[in-house]
PDB file of N, CA and C in Angstrom:
ATOM      1  N   MET A   1     -47.769  77.361-163.554  1.00  0.00           N
ATOM      2  CA  MET A   1     -46.398  77.801-163.568  1.00  0.00           C
ATOM      3  C   MET A   1     -46.245  78.904-164.621  1.00  0.00           C
ATOM      4  N   LEU A   2     -45.534  79.940-164.278  1.00  0.00           N
ATOM      5  CA  LEU A   2     -45.299  81.042-165.206  1.00  0.00           C
ATOM      6  C   LEU A   2     -44.139  80.718-166.141  1.00  0.00           C
ATOM      7  N   MET A   3     -44.302  81.088-167.404  1.00  0.00           N
ATOM      8  CA  MET A   3     -43.288  80.819-168.424  1.00  0.00           C
ATOM      9  C   MET A   3     -42.929  82.120-169.135  1.00  0.00           C
ATOM     10  N   ILE A   4     -41.651  82.260-169.440  1.00  0.00           N
ATOM     11  CA  ILE A   4     -41.187  83.336-170.310  1.00  0.00           C
ATOM     12  C   ILE A   4     -40.905  82.683-171.650  1.00  0.00           C
ATOM     13  N   ARG A   5     -41.651  83.075-172.679  1.00  0.00           N
ATOM     14  CA  ARG A   5     -41.490  82.442-173.986  1.00  0.00           C
ATOM     15  C   ARG A   5     -41.809  83.415-175.101  1.00  0.00           C
ATOM     16  N   LEU A   6     -41.585  82.964-176.323  1.00  0.00           N
ATOM     17  CA  LEU A   6     -41.835  83.789-177.503  1.00  0.00           C
ATOM     18  C   LEU A   6     -43.277  83.613-177.969  1.00  0.00           C
ATOM     19  N   GLN A   7     -43.874  84.723-178.413  1.00  0.00           N
ATOM     20  CA  GLN A   7     -45.204  84.693-179.010  1.00  0.00           C
ATOM     21  C   GLN A   7     -45.093  85.328-180.386  1.00  0.00           C
ATOM     22  N   ARG A   8     -45.484  84.594-181.408  1.00  0.00           N
ATOM     23  CA  ARG A   8     -45.331  85.091-182.772  1.00  0.00           C
ATOM     24  C   ARG A   8     -46.362  86.167-183.065  1.00  0.00           C
ATOM     25  N   ILE A   9     -45.861  87.253-183.653  1.00  0.00           N
ATOM     26  CA  ILE A   9     -46.713  88.309-184.187  1.00  0.00           C
ATOM     27  C   ILE A   9     -46.198  88.597-185.586  1.00  0.00           C
ATOM     28  N   GLY A  10     -46.871  89.380-186.328  1.00  0.00           N
ATOM     29  CA  GLY A  10     -46.388  89.702-187.665  1.00  0.00           C
ATOM     30  C   GLY A  10     -47.151  88.961-188.736  1.00  0.00           C
ATOM     31  N   ARG A  11     -46.871  89.333-189.971  1.00  0.00           N
ATOM     32  CA  ARG A  11     -47.588  88.776-191.112  1.00  0.00           C
ATOM     33  C   ARG A  11     -47.004  87.439-191.549  1.00  0.00           C
ATOM     34  N   LYS A  12     -47.675  86.849-192.510  1.00  0.00           N
ATOM     35  CA  LYS A  12     -47.178  85.623-193.115  1.00  0.00           C
ATOM     36  C   LYS A  12     -45.858  85.932-193.812  1.00  0.00           C
ATOM     37  N   ASN A  13     -44.875  85.069-193.672  1.00  0.00           N
ATOM     38  CA  ASN A  13     -43.537  85.195-194.244  1.00  0.00           C
ATOM     39  C   ASN A  13     -42.760  86.408-193.729  1.00  0.00           C
ATOM     40  N   ASP A  14     -43.215  87.024-192.666  1.00  0.00           N
ATOM     41  CA  ASP A  14     -42.499  88.145-192.044  1.00  0.00           C
ATOM     42  C   ASP A  14     -42.590  87.977-190.526  1.00  0.00           C
ATOM     43  N   PRO A  15     -41.855  87.024-189.958  1.00  0.00           N
ATOM     44  CA  PRO A  15     -42.021  86.736-188.541  1.00  0.00           C
ATOM     45  C   PRO A  15     -41.442  87.824-187.648  1.00  0.00           C
ATOM     46  N   ALA A  16     -42.122  88.055-186.560  1.00  0.00           N
ATOM     47  CA  ALA A  16     -41.639  88.897-185.476  1.00  0.00           C
ATOM     48  C   ALA A  16     -42.206  88.275-184.203  1.00  0.00           C
ATOM     49  N   PHE A  17     -41.521  88.451-183.101  1.00  0.00           N
ATOM     50  CA  PHE A  17     -41.933  87.781-181.875  1.00  0.00           C
ATOM     51  C   PHE A  17     -41.950  88.756-180.711  1.00  0.00           C
ATOM     52  N   ARG A  18     -42.865  88.523-179.770  1.00  0.00           N
ATOM     53  CA  ARG A  18     -42.868  89.186-178.483  1.00  0.00           C
ATOM     54  C   ARG A  18     -42.300  88.219-177.467  1.00  0.00           C
ATOM     55  N   VAL A  19     -41.563  88.745-176.505  1.00  0.00           N
ATOM     56  CA  VAL A  19     -41.144  87.951-175.358  1.00  0.00           C
ATOM     57  C   VAL A  19     -42.178  88.237-174.282  1.00  0.00           C
ATOM     58  N   VAL A  20     -42.941  87.210-173.887  1.00  0.00           N
ATOM     59  CA  VAL A  20     -44.053  87.422-172.969  1.00  0.00           C
ATOM     60  C   VAL A  20     -43.927  86.523-171.747  1.00  0.00           C
ATOM     61  N   LEU A  21     -44.563  86.967-170.675  1.00  0.00           N
ATOM     62  CA  LEU A  21     -44.732  86.172-169.474  1.00  0.00           C
ATOM     63  C   LEU A  21     -46.158  85.658-169.498  1.00  0.00           C
ATOM     64  N   THR A  22     -46.331  84.348-169.456  1.00  0.00           N
ATOM     65  CA  THR A  22     -47.660  83.768-169.541  1.00  0.00           C
ATOM     66  C   THR A  22     -47.729  82.521-168.679  1.00  0.00           C
ATOM     67  N   ASP A  23     -48.937  82.038-168.464  1.00  0.00           N
ATOM     68  CA  ASP A  23     -49.116  80.779-167.761  1.00  0.00           C
ATOM     69  C   ASP A  23     -48.750  79.646-168.709  1.00  0.00           C
ATOM     70  N   SER A  24     -48.102  78.606-168.212  1.00  0.00           N
ATOM     71  CA  SER A  24     -47.642  77.525-169.087  1.00  0.00           C
ATOM     72  C   SER A  24     -48.804  76.773-169.719  1.00  0.00           C
ATOM     73  N   LYS A  25     -49.992  76.839-169.144  1.00  0.00           N
ATOM     74  CA  LYS A  25     -51.142  76.130-169.694  1.00  0.00           C
ATOM     75  C   LYS A  25     -51.771  76.873-170.876  1.00  0.00           C
ATOM     76  N   ASN A  26     -51.459  78.152-171.029  1.00  0.00           N
ATOM     77  CA  ASN A  26     -51.989  78.909-172.171  1.00  0.00           C
ATOM     78  C   ASN A  26     -51.328  78.454-173.454  1.00  0.00           C
ATOM     79  N   SER A  27     -52.110  78.415-174.514  1.00  0.00           N
ATOM     80  CA  SER A  27     -51.579  78.075-175.821  1.00  0.00           C
ATOM     81  C   SER A  27     -50.671  79.205-176.293  1.00  0.00           C
ATOM     82  N   THR A  28     -49.715  78.871-177.158  1.00  0.00           N
ATOM     83  CA  THR A  28     -48.808  79.900-177.656  1.00  0.00           C
ATOM     84  C   THR A  28     -49.546  80.895-178.547  1.00  0.00           C
ATOM     85  N   LYS A  29     -50.627  80.472-179.180  1.00  0.00           N
ATOM     86  CA  LYS A  29     -51.368  81.355-180.074  1.00  0.00           C
ATOM     87  C   LYS A  29     -52.622  81.938-179.433  1.00  0.00           C
ATOM     88  N   SER A  30     -52.824  81.724-178.120  1.00  0.00           N
ATOM     89  CA  SER A  30     -54.044  82.199-177.476  1.00  0.00           C
ATOM     90  C   SER A  30     -54.065  83.718-177.345  1.00  0.00           C
ATOM     91  N   GLY A  31     -52.902  84.341-177.260  1.00  0.00           N
ATOM     92  CA  GLY A  31     -52.852  85.792-177.106  1.00  0.00           C
ATOM     93  C   GLY A  31     -52.932  86.240-175.660  1.00  0.00           C
ATOM     94  N   LYS A  32     -53.070  85.305-174.722  1.00  0.00           N
ATOM     95  CA  LYS A  32     -53.159  85.655-173.306  1.00  0.00           C
ATOM     96  C   LYS A  32     -51.757  85.709-172.713  1.00  0.00           C
ATOM     97  N   PHE A  33     -51.440  86.815-172.087  1.00  0.00           N
ATOM     98  CA  PHE A  33     -50.153  86.940-171.409  1.00  0.00           C
ATOM     99  C   PHE A  33     -50.292  87.954-170.305  1.00  0.00           C
ATOM    100  N   LEU A  34     -49.370  87.915-169.352  1.00  0.00           N
ATOM    101  CA  LEU A  34     -49.405  88.829-168.214  1.00  0.00           C
ATOM    102  C   LEU A  34     -48.600  90.095-168.470  1.00  0.00           C
ATOM    103  N   GLU A  35     -47.470  89.952-169.145  1.00  0.00           N
ATOM    104  CA  GLU A  35     -46.602  91.111-169.358  1.00  0.00           C
ATOM    105  C   GLU A  35     -45.726  90.881-170.584  1.00  0.00           C
ATOM    106  N   VAL A  36     -45.486  91.946-171.330  1.00  0.00           N
ATOM    107  CA  VAL A  36     -44.563  91.905-172.465  1.00  0.00           C
ATOM    108  C   VAL A  36     -43.178  92.263-171.935  1.00  0.00           C
ATOM    109  N   LEU A  37     -42.207  91.386-172.178  1.00  0.00           N
ATOM    110  CA  LEU A  37     -40.861  91.567-171.646  1.00  0.00           C
ATOM    111  C   LEU A  37     -39.830  91.914-172.708  1.00  0.00           C
ATOM    112  N   GLY A  38     -40.262  92.048-173.959  1.00  0.00           N
ATOM    113  CA  GLY A  38     -39.326  92.404-175.014  1.00  0.00           C
ATOM    114  C   GLY A  38     -39.847  91.996-176.370  1.00  0.00           C
ATOM    115  N   THR A  39     -39.000  92.202-177.388  1.00  0.00           N
ATOM    116  CA  THR A  39     -39.352  91.839-178.753  1.00  0.00           C
ATOM    117  C   THR A  39     -38.148  91.185-179.412  1.00  0.00           C
ATOM    118  N   TYR A  40     -38.435  90.415-180.468  1.00  0.00           N
ATOM    119  CA  TYR A  40     -37.387  89.762-181.245  1.00  0.00           C
ATOM    120  C   TYR A  40     -37.809  89.782-182.701  1.00  0.00           C
ATOM    121  N   ASN A  41     -36.949  90.337-183.552  1.00  0.00           N
ATOM    122  CA  ASN A  41     -37.221  90.383-184.980  1.00  0.00           C
ATOM    123  C   ASN A  41     -36.074  89.707-185.715  1.00  0.00           C
ATOM    124  N   PRO A  42     -36.266  88.460-186.160  1.00  0.00           N
ATOM    125  CA  PRO A  42     -35.160  87.748-186.805  1.00  0.00           C
ATOM    126  C   PRO A  42     -34.761  88.309-188.159  1.00  0.00           C
ATOM    127  N   LYS A  43     -35.630  89.092-188.805  1.00  0.00           N
ATOM    128  CA  LYS A  43     -35.317  89.633-190.126  1.00  0.00           C
ATOM    129  C   LYS A  43     -34.828  91.074-190.070  1.00  0.00           C
ATOM    130  N   ALA A  44     -34.499  91.575-188.894  1.00  0.00           N
ATOM    131  CA  ALA A  44     -34.032  92.950-188.766  1.00  0.00           C
ATOM    132  C   ALA A  44     -32.707  93.122-189.499  1.00  0.00           C
ATOM    133  N   LEU A  45     -32.535  94.253-190.140  1.00  0.00           N
ATOM    134  CA  LEU A  45     -31.330  94.496-190.923  1.00  0.00           C
ATOM    135  C   LEU A  45     -30.110  94.737-190.046  1.00  0.00           C
ATOM    136  N   ASP A  46     -30.287  95.520-188.983  1.00  0.00           N
ATOM    137  CA  ASP A  46     -29.142  95.789-188.107  1.00  0.00           C
ATOM    138  C   ASP A  46     -29.084  94.724-187.020  1.00  0.00           C
ATOM    139  N   LYS A  47     -27.904  94.160-186.827  1.00  0.00           N
ATOM    140  CA  LYS A  47     -27.744  93.045-185.901  1.00  0.00           C
ATOM    141  C   LYS A  47     -28.003  93.451-184.455  1.00  0.00           C
ATOM    142  N   GLY A  48     -27.670  94.672-184.082  1.00  0.00           N
ATOM    143  CA  GLY A  48     -27.844  95.097-182.701  1.00  0.00           C
ATOM    144  C   GLY A  48     -29.281  95.368-182.331  1.00  0.00           C
ATOM    145  N   GLY A  49     -30.127  95.690-183.280  1.00  0.00           N
ATOM    146  CA  GLY A  49     -31.491  96.069-182.958  1.00  0.00           C
ATOM    147  C   GLY A  49     -32.509  94.963-183.105  1.00  0.00           C
ATOM    148  N   ARG A  50     -32.066  93.751-183.339  1.00  0.00           N
ATOM    149  CA  ARG A  50     -33.034  92.699-183.607  1.00  0.00           C
ATOM    150  C   ARG A  50     -33.710  92.183-182.346  1.00  0.00           C
ATOM    151  N   MET A  51     -33.061  92.236-181.170  1.00  0.00           N
ATOM    152  CA  MET A  51     -33.674  91.769-179.936  1.00  0.00           C
ATOM    153  C   MET A  51     -33.614  92.859-178.884  1.00  0.00           C
ATOM    154  N   LYS A  52     -34.776  93.211-178.363  1.00  0.00           N
ATOM    155  CA  LYS A  52     -34.856  94.214-177.303  1.00  0.00           C
ATOM    156  C   LYS A  52     -35.533  93.560-176.108  1.00  0.00           C
ATOM    157  N   LEU A  53     -34.816  93.489-174.996  1.00  0.00           N
ATOM    158  CA  LEU A  53     -35.325  92.842-173.798  1.00  0.00           C
ATOM    159  C   LEU A  53     -35.348  93.819-172.639  1.00  0.00           C
ATOM    160  N   ILE A  54     -36.304  93.654-171.739  1.00  0.00           N
ATOM    161  CA  ILE A  54     -36.368  94.450-170.521  1.00  0.00           C
ATOM    162  C   ILE A  54     -35.696  93.616-169.434  1.00  0.00           C
ATOM    163  N   ASP A  55     -34.387  93.873-169.227  1.00  0.00           N
ATOM    164  CA  ASP A  55     -33.546  93.021-168.382  1.00  0.00           C
ATOM    165  C   ASP A  55     -34.058  92.920-166.942  1.00  0.00           C
ATOM    166  N   ASP A  56     -34.356  94.070-166.328  1.00  0.00           N
ATOM    167  CA  ASP A  56     -34.715  94.046-164.914  1.00  0.00           C
ATOM    168  C   ASP A  56     -36.019  93.302-164.661  1.00  0.00           C
ATOM    169  N   ARG A  57     -36.982  93.424-165.565  1.00  0.00           N
ATOM    170  CA  ARG A  57     -38.260  92.705-165.396  1.00  0.00           C
ATOM    171  C   ARG A  57     -38.056  91.203-165.597  1.00  0.00           C
ATOM    172  N   ILE A  58     -37.199  90.809-166.525  1.00  0.00           N
ATOM    173  CA  ILE A  58     -36.930  89.382-166.750  1.00  0.00           C
ATOM    174  C   ILE A  58     -36.250  88.796-165.516  1.00  0.00           C
ATOM    175  N   ARG A  59     -35.259  89.500-164.975  1.00  0.00           N
ATOM    176  CA  ARG A  59     -34.588  89.015-163.766  1.00  0.00           C
ATOM    177  C   ARG A  59     -35.570  88.919-162.601  1.00  0.00           C
ATOM    178  N   HIS A  60     -36.479  89.900-162.493  1.00  0.00           N
ATOM    179  CA  HIS A  60     -37.479  89.888-161.423  1.00  0.00           C
ATOM    180  C   HIS A  60     -38.362  88.651-161.517  1.00  0.00           C
ATOM    181  N   TRP A  61     -38.891  88.364-162.702  1.00  0.00           N
ATOM    182  CA  TRP A  61     -39.803  87.230-162.857  1.00  0.00           C
ATOM    183  C   TRP A  61     -39.079  85.905-162.675  1.00  0.00           C
ATOM    184  N   ILE A  62     -37.818  85.818-163.085  1.00  0.00           N
ATOM    185  CA  ILE A  62     -37.066  84.587-162.853  1.00  0.00           C
ATOM    186  C   ILE A  62     -36.818  84.390-161.360  1.00  0.00           C
ATOM    187  N   SER A  63     -36.546  85.491-160.634  1.00  0.00           N
ATOM    188  CA  SER A  63     -36.329  85.385-159.190  1.00  0.00           C
ATOM    189  C   SER A  63     -37.611  84.993-158.456  1.00  0.00           C
ATOM    190  N   VAL A  64     -38.760  85.363-159.005  1.00  0.00           N
ATOM    191  CA  VAL A  64     -40.047  84.995-158.399  1.00  0.00           C
ATOM    192  C   VAL A  64     -40.372  83.525-158.664  1.00  0.00           C
ATOM    193  N   GLY A  65     -39.793  82.956-159.729  1.00  0.00           N
ATOM    194  CA  GLY A  65     -40.006  81.537-159.990  1.00  0.00           C
ATOM    195  C   GLY A  65     -40.468  81.208-161.393  1.00  0.00           C
ATOM    196  N   ALA A  66     -40.474  82.182-162.290  1.00  0.00           N
ATOM    197  CA  ALA A  66     -40.880  81.915-163.670  1.00  0.00           C
ATOM    198  C   ALA A  66     -39.811  81.092-164.373  1.00  0.00           C
ATOM    199  N   GLN A  67     -40.241  80.174-165.223  1.00  0.00           N
ATOM    200  CA  GLN A  67     -39.335  79.346-166.005  1.00  0.00           C
ATOM    201  C   GLN A  67     -39.238  79.902-167.421  1.00  0.00           C
ATOM    202  N   CYS A  68     -38.138  79.622-168.091  1.00  0.00           N
ATOM    203  CA  CYS A  68     -37.951  80.059-169.482  1.00  0.00           C
ATOM    204  C   CYS A  68     -38.123  78.866-170.403  1.00  0.00           C
ATOM    205  N   SER A  69     -38.628  79.126-171.598  1.00  0.00           N
ATOM    206  CA  SER A  69     -38.611  78.084-172.618  1.00  0.00           C
ATOM    207  C   SER A  69     -37.154  77.878-173.017  1.00  0.00           C
ATOM    208  N   ASP A  70     -36.866  76.762-173.683  1.00  0.00           N
ATOM    209  CA  ASP A  70     -35.479  76.469-174.048  1.00  0.00           C
ATOM    210  C   ASP A  70     -34.886  77.536-174.959  1.00  0.00           C
ATOM    211  N   THR A  71     -35.662  77.999-175.938  1.00  0.00           N
ATOM    212  CA  THR A  71     -35.178  79.026-176.859  1.00  0.00           C
ATOM    213  C   THR A  71     -34.925  80.334-176.125  1.00  0.00           C
ATOM    214  N   MET A  72     -35.847  80.721-175.235  1.00  0.00           N
ATOM    215  CA  MET A  72     -35.651  81.958-174.472  1.00  0.00           C
ATOM    216  C   MET A  72     -34.458  81.826-173.536  1.00  0.00           C
ATOM    217  N   HIS A  73     -34.252  80.657-172.960  1.00  0.00           N
ATOM    218  CA  HIS A  73     -33.085  80.432-172.104  1.00  0.00           C
ATOM    219  C   HIS A  73     -31.806  80.689-172.890  1.00  0.00           C
ATOM    220  N   ASN A  74     -31.743  80.184-174.127  1.00  0.00           N
ATOM    221  CA  ASN A  74     -30.561  80.390-174.964  1.00  0.00           C
ATOM    222  C   ASN A  74     -30.366  81.864-175.294  1.00  0.00           C
ATOM    223  N   PHE A  75     -31.448  82.587-175.584  1.00  0.00           N
ATOM    224  CA  PHE A  75     -31.341  84.017-175.862  1.00  0.00           C
ATOM    225  C   PHE A  75     -30.847  84.782-174.631  1.00  0.00           C
ATOM    226  N   LEU A  76     -31.341  84.422-173.450  1.00  0.00           N
ATOM    227  CA  LEU A  76     -30.943  85.122-172.227  1.00  0.00           C
ATOM    228  C   LEU A  76     -29.480  84.833-171.885  1.00  0.00           C
ATOM    229  N   VAL A  77     -29.017  83.613-172.138  1.00  0.00           N
ATOM    230  CA  VAL A  77     -27.601  83.298-171.914  1.00  0.00           C
ATOM    231  C   VAL A  77     -26.745  84.068-172.917  1.00  0.00           C
ATOM    232  N   GLN A  78     -27.190  84.132-174.165  1.00  0.00           N
ATOM    233  CA  GLN A  78     -26.446  84.838-175.215  1.00  0.00           C
ATOM    234  C   GLN A  78     -26.316  86.325-174.906  1.00  0.00           C
ATOM    235  N   ASN A  79     -27.373  86.931-174.351  1.00  0.00           N
ATOM    236  CA  ASN A  79     -27.358  88.358-174.029  1.00  0.00           C
ATOM    237  C   ASN A  79     -26.840  88.639-172.629  1.00  0.00           C
ATOM    238  N   LYS A  80     -26.338  87.594-171.940  1.00  0.00           N
ATOM    239  CA  LYS A  80     -25.723  87.713-170.613  1.00  0.00           C
ATOM    240  C   LYS A  80     -26.687  88.255-169.562  1.00  0.00           C
ATOM    241  N   ILE A  81     -27.960  87.911-169.683  1.00  0.00           N
ATOM    242  CA  ILE A  81     -28.937  88.286-168.668  1.00  0.00           C
ATOM    243  C   ILE A  81     -28.937  87.245-167.555  1.00  0.00           C
ATOM    244  N   ILE A  82     -28.737  85.974-167.925  1.00  0.00           N
ATOM    245  CA  ILE A  82     -28.597  84.918-166.935  1.00  0.00           C
ATOM    246  C   ILE A  82     -27.306  84.149-167.226  1.00  0.00           C
ATOM    247  N   GLU A  83     -26.822  83.432-166.217  1.00  0.00           N
ATOM    248  CA  GLU A  83     -25.622  82.622-166.352  1.00  0.00           C
ATOM    249  C   GLU A  83     -26.032  81.191-166.674  1.00  0.00           C
ATOM    250  N   GLY A  84     -25.188  80.477-167.375  1.00  0.00           N
ATOM    251  CA  GLY A  84     -25.450  79.071-167.634  1.00  0.00           C
ATOM    252  C   GLY A  84     -25.013  78.676-169.026  1.00  0.00           C
ATOM    253  N   LYS A  85     -25.281  77.414-169.337  1.00  0.00           N
ATOM    254  CA  LYS A  85     -24.941  76.885-170.643  1.00  0.00           C
ATOM    255  C   LYS A  85     -26.192  76.886-171.508  1.00  0.00           C
ATOM    256  N   LYS A  86     -25.991  76.947-172.812  1.00  0.00           N
ATOM    257  CA  LYS A  86     -27.112  76.880-173.733  1.00  0.00           C
ATOM    258  C   LYS A  86     -27.677  75.464-173.763  1.00  0.00           C
ATOM    259  N   VAL A  87     -28.965  75.377-174.093  1.00  0.00           N
ATOM    260  CA  VAL A  87     -29.677  74.107-174.157  1.00  0.00           C
ATOM    261  C   VAL A  87     -29.854  73.737-175.619  1.00  0.00           C
ATOM    262  N   ASN A  88     -29.665  72.479-175.967  1.00  0.00           N
ATOM    263  CA  ASN A  88     -29.886  72.036-177.340  1.00  0.00           C
ATOM    264  C   ASN A  88     -31.386  71.956-177.590  1.00  0.00           C
ATOM    265  N   VAL A  89     -31.884  72.763-178.512  1.00  0.00           N
ATOM    266  CA  VAL A  89     -33.312  72.784-178.801  1.00  0.00           C
ATOM    267  C   VAL A  89     -33.664  72.028-180.075  1.00  0.00           C
ATOM    268  N   LEU A  90     -32.656  71.598-180.825  1.00  0.00           N
ATOM    269  CA  LEU A  90     -32.915  70.858-182.052  1.00  0.00           C
ATOM    270  C   LEU A  90     -33.142  69.393-181.731  1.00  0.00           C
ATOM    271  N   PRO A  91     -34.044  68.736-182.451  1.00  0.00           N
ATOM    272  CA  PRO A  91     -34.270  67.315-182.193  1.00  0.00           C
ATOM    273  C   PRO A  91     -33.062  66.497-182.633  1.00  0.00           C
ATOM    274  N   ARG A  92     -32.847  65.409-181.953  1.00  0.00           N
ATOM    275  CA  ARG A  92     -31.739  64.530-182.319  1.00  0.00           C
ATOM    276  C   ARG A  92     -32.105  63.758-183.575  1.00  0.00           C
ATOM    277  N   LYS A  93     -31.175  63.672-184.496  1.00  0.00           N
ATOM    278  CA  LYS A  93     -31.425  62.952-185.732  1.00  0.00           C
ATOM    279  C   LYS A  93     -31.057  61.490-185.551  1.00  0.00           C
ATOM    280  N   LYS A  94     -31.857  60.627-186.143  1.00  0.00           N
ATOM    281  CA  LYS A  94     -31.551  59.214-186.127  1.00  0.00           C
ATOM    282  C   LYS A  94     -30.563  58.930-187.246  1.00  0.00           C
ATOM    283  N   PRO A  95     -29.663  57.997-187.050  1.00  0.00           N
ATOM    284  CA  PRO A  95     -28.724  57.670-188.136  1.00  0.00           C
ATOM    285  C   PRO A  95     -29.484  57.062-189.312  1.00  0.00           C
ATOM    286  N   THR A  96     -29.026  57.353-190.504  1.00  0.00           N
ATOM    287  CA  THR A  96     -29.696  56.836-191.687  1.00  0.00           C
ATOM    288  C   THR A  96     -29.465  55.336-191.798  1.00  0.00           C
ATOM    289  N   GLN A  97     -30.496  54.629-192.237  1.00  0.00           N
ATOM    290  CA  GLN A  97     -30.408  53.189-192.389  1.00  0.00           C
ATOM    291  C   GLN A  97     -30.507  52.828-193.859  1.00  0.00           C
ATOM    292  N   LYS A  98     -29.807  51.794-194.245  1.00  0.00           N
ATOM    293  CA  LYS A  98     -29.890  51.336-195.616  1.00  0.00           C
ATOM    294  C   LYS A  98     -31.164  50.508-195.791  1.00  0.00           C
ATOM    295  N   LYS A  99     -31.573  50.298-197.026  1.00  0.00           N
ATOM    296  CA  LYS A  99     -32.816  49.603-197.314  1.00  0.00           C
ATOM    297  C   LYS A  99     -32.816  48.181-196.763  1.00  0.00           C
ATOM    298  N   LYS A 100     -31.700  47.476-196.879  1.00  0.00           N
ATOM    299  CA  LYS A 100     -31.630  46.090-196.399  1.00  0.00           C
ATOM    300  C   LYS A 100     -31.828  46.044-194.889  1.00  0.00           C
ATOM    301  N   GLU A 101     -31.204  46.974-194.195  1.00  0.00           N
ATOM    302  CA  GLU A 101     -31.350  47.012-192.738  1.00  0.00           C
ATOM    303  C   GLU A 101     -32.786  47.331-192.366  1.00  0.00           C
ATOM    304  N   MET A 102     -33.444  48.201-193.117  1.00  0.00           N
ATOM    305  CA  MET A 102     -34.825  48.552-192.818  1.00  0.00           C
ATOM    306  C   MET A 102     -35.743  47.355-193.054  1.00  0.00           C
ATOM    307  N   LYS A 103     -35.503  46.589-194.121  1.00  0.00           N
ATOM    308  CA  LYS A 103     -36.313  45.393-194.391  1.00  0.00           C
ATOM    309  C   LYS A 103     -36.092  44.349-193.308  1.00  0.00           C
ATOM    310  N   ALA A 104     -34.853  44.190-192.873  1.00  0.00           N
ATOM    311  CA  ALA A 104     -34.574  43.231-191.818  1.00  0.00           C
ATOM    312  C   ALA A 104     -35.209  43.647-190.504  1.00  0.00           C
ATOM    313  N   ALA A 105     -35.237  44.915-190.245  1.00  0.00           N
ATOM    314  CA  ALA A 105     -35.842  45.409-189.013  1.00  0.00           C
ATOM    315  C   ALA A 105     -37.357  45.270-189.037  1.00  0.00           C
ATOM    316  N   ALA A 106     -37.942  45.352-190.244  1.00  0.00           N
ATOM    317  CA  ALA A 106     -39.385  45.232-190.389  1.00  0.00           C
ATOM    318  C   ALA A 106     -39.858  43.792-190.175  1.00  0.00           C
ATOM    319  N   LYS A 107     -38.986  42.808-190.467  1.00  0.00           N
ATOM    320  CA  LYS A 107     -39.357  41.391-190.314  1.00  0.00           C
ATOM    321  C   LYS A 107     -39.245  40.963-188.917  1.00  0.00           C
TER     322      LYS A 107
END
């Protein structure tokens, strides 16, 4: 299955990402991809220039059947390339337990 996802490039403590089309079985750090579909720089100074996407190619690959990672789906919804609701990508937090409850649960 083809995936549209982020691939990290850049130095240590200076992240930058490529938006790539790759096979879902490829590792994120393998460097293997079929096509570069854009870039994302979270540390860019100007807000408008931090994400550059090739809209028509992304729409083409989605129409062919490529899936997006959750983070890329949120970026595409934010930039109005696709329609839909954003997906929660953060893990759900468990409620904090007091020590007595934890000891009782352990027994």
